[in-house]
Protein backbone atom coordinates (compact mmCIF):
# COMPACT_ATOMS: atom_id res chain seq x y z
CA MET A 1 77.52 81.11 110.11
CA LYS A 2 75.20 80.27 112.97
CA LEU A 3 76.29 79.73 116.93
CA ASP A 4 77.11 75.82 115.54
CA GLU A 5 78.86 76.29 112.59
CA PHE A 6 81.69 77.94 114.01
CA THR A 7 84.64 75.99 115.65
CA ILE A 8 86.96 75.93 118.58
CA GLY A 9 90.15 77.18 117.18
CA GLN A 10 88.49 78.54 113.75
CA VAL A 11 90.63 82.36 113.01
CA PHE A 12 89.58 85.33 110.99
CA GLN A 13 91.58 88.29 109.52
CA THR A 14 89.63 91.18 108.04
CA LYS A 15 90.30 93.68 105.18
CA SER A 16 91.98 96.38 106.12
CA PHE A 17 91.42 100.44 107.26
CA GLU A 18 94.13 102.64 106.62
CA LEU A 19 92.97 106.09 109.10
CA THR A 20 93.93 108.82 108.08
CA LYS A 21 95.15 112.45 110.72
CA GLU A 22 91.22 113.76 109.35
CA ASN A 23 89.93 110.34 110.47
CA ILE A 24 91.93 110.72 113.91
CA MET A 25 90.98 114.37 114.60
CA ASN A 26 87.33 113.97 113.95
CA PHE A 27 86.78 111.07 115.98
CA ALA A 28 88.55 112.67 119.13
CA GLU A 29 86.93 116.16 118.58
CA VAL A 30 83.48 114.80 120.02
CA TYR A 31 84.92 112.25 121.85
CA ASP A 32 88.24 112.40 123.09
CA PRO A 33 89.76 115.86 122.90
CA GLN A 34 92.84 115.34 124.27
CA TYR A 35 96.12 117.40 122.46
CA MET A 36 97.49 113.39 121.70
CA HIS A 37 94.46 113.25 119.19
CA LEU A 38 94.42 117.26 118.33
CA ASN A 39 96.97 119.15 118.61
CA GLU A 40 100.02 118.78 116.14
CA GLU A 41 102.81 120.72 117.51
CA LYS A 42 101.57 119.51 121.18
CA ALA A 43 101.78 115.73 119.88
CA LYS A 44 105.02 116.58 118.31
CA MET A 45 106.42 117.03 122.29
CA GLY A 46 105.00 114.03 123.67
CA ARG A 47 105.83 110.54 124.53
CA PHE A 48 103.71 109.53 120.92
CA ASN A 49 105.67 112.08 118.93
CA GLY A 50 102.70 113.12 117.01
CA ILE A 51 99.24 112.68 116.51
CA ILE A 52 97.84 108.77 117.78
CA ALA A 53 94.30 107.47 117.23
CA SER A 54 91.95 107.00 120.35
CA GLY A 55 91.96 103.71 121.87
CA ILE A 56 88.65 103.84 122.07
CA GLN A 57 88.17 104.61 118.17
CA THR A 58 91.00 101.87 117.16
CA LEU A 59 88.54 99.08 119.00
CA SER A 60 85.75 100.48 117.53
CA ILE A 61 87.58 100.34 114.08
CA THR A 62 88.41 96.90 114.82
CA PHE A 63 84.70 95.80 115.83
CA LYS A 64 83.10 97.43 112.36
CA LEU A 65 86.04 95.70 110.42
CA TRP A 66 84.84 92.30 112.18
CA ILE A 67 81.07 92.74 111.41
CA GLU A 68 81.34 94.08 108.09
CA GLU A 69 83.00 90.48 107.73
CA GLY A 70 79.63 89.27 107.72
CA CYS A 71 79.96 86.23 109.13
CA HIS A 72 77.28 86.64 111.30
CA GLU A 73 75.16 86.96 108.94
CA ASP A 74 71.77 89.02 111.24
CA ASP A 75 72.32 87.50 114.04
CA ILE A 76 72.98 89.79 117.46
CA ILE A 77 76.55 89.47 118.13
CA ALA A 78 76.45 91.61 121.74
CA GLY A 79 79.53 93.06 123.43
CA THR A 80 78.49 92.12 126.89
CA GLY A 81 82.56 92.44 128.19
CA MET A 82 85.92 92.76 127.37
CA ASN A 83 88.98 91.32 129.39
CA ASN A 84 92.72 91.81 128.98
CA ILE A 85 92.25 94.98 126.42
CA LYS A 86 95.92 96.48 126.29
CA PHE A 87 96.74 98.84 123.64
CA LEU A 88 100.41 97.87 122.63
CA ALA A 89 101.71 100.22 120.34
CA PRO A 90 100.01 103.51 119.25
CA VAL A 91 98.50 104.41 115.74
CA TYR A 92 99.53 107.09 113.62
CA PRO A 93 97.81 108.84 111.02
CA ASN A 94 97.73 106.25 107.68
CA ASP A 95 98.73 103.10 109.94
CA LYS A 96 96.42 100.15 108.80
CA LEU A 97 94.34 98.24 110.73
CA HIS A 98 92.29 95.08 110.71
CA THR A 99 90.80 92.92 113.14
CA ILE A 100 91.78 88.87 113.61
CA VAL A 101 89.31 87.06 115.52
CA LYS A 102 90.17 83.21 116.79
CA VAL A 103 87.11 80.96 118.15
CA ILE A 104 88.48 80.09 121.73
CA ASP A 105 84.81 78.62 123.05
CA LYS A 106 81.09 79.03 122.13
CA LYS A 107 78.41 79.74 125.12
């Protein structure tokens, strides 16, 4: 789709992606080596009661899913900014993520 083909209010929902403990730990070892992503015993004693995914990992997965949706074909989708990002709930192993995109403006 080209920019003029998107309509304000249009909603897209992607396929799902199941996040495994191995996915979480492999990502964390390289990009976010905090205990709640890597150390099961310590994570069980923490505020999340177990291993959780990094917020940066969940953002990356949601963007991957949106790109794979293919609506934009070969046009560049540049992440020039993000506002009001909030992590409302932890993402645990075996949780399934999907992305919902709503067109709220066109520039």
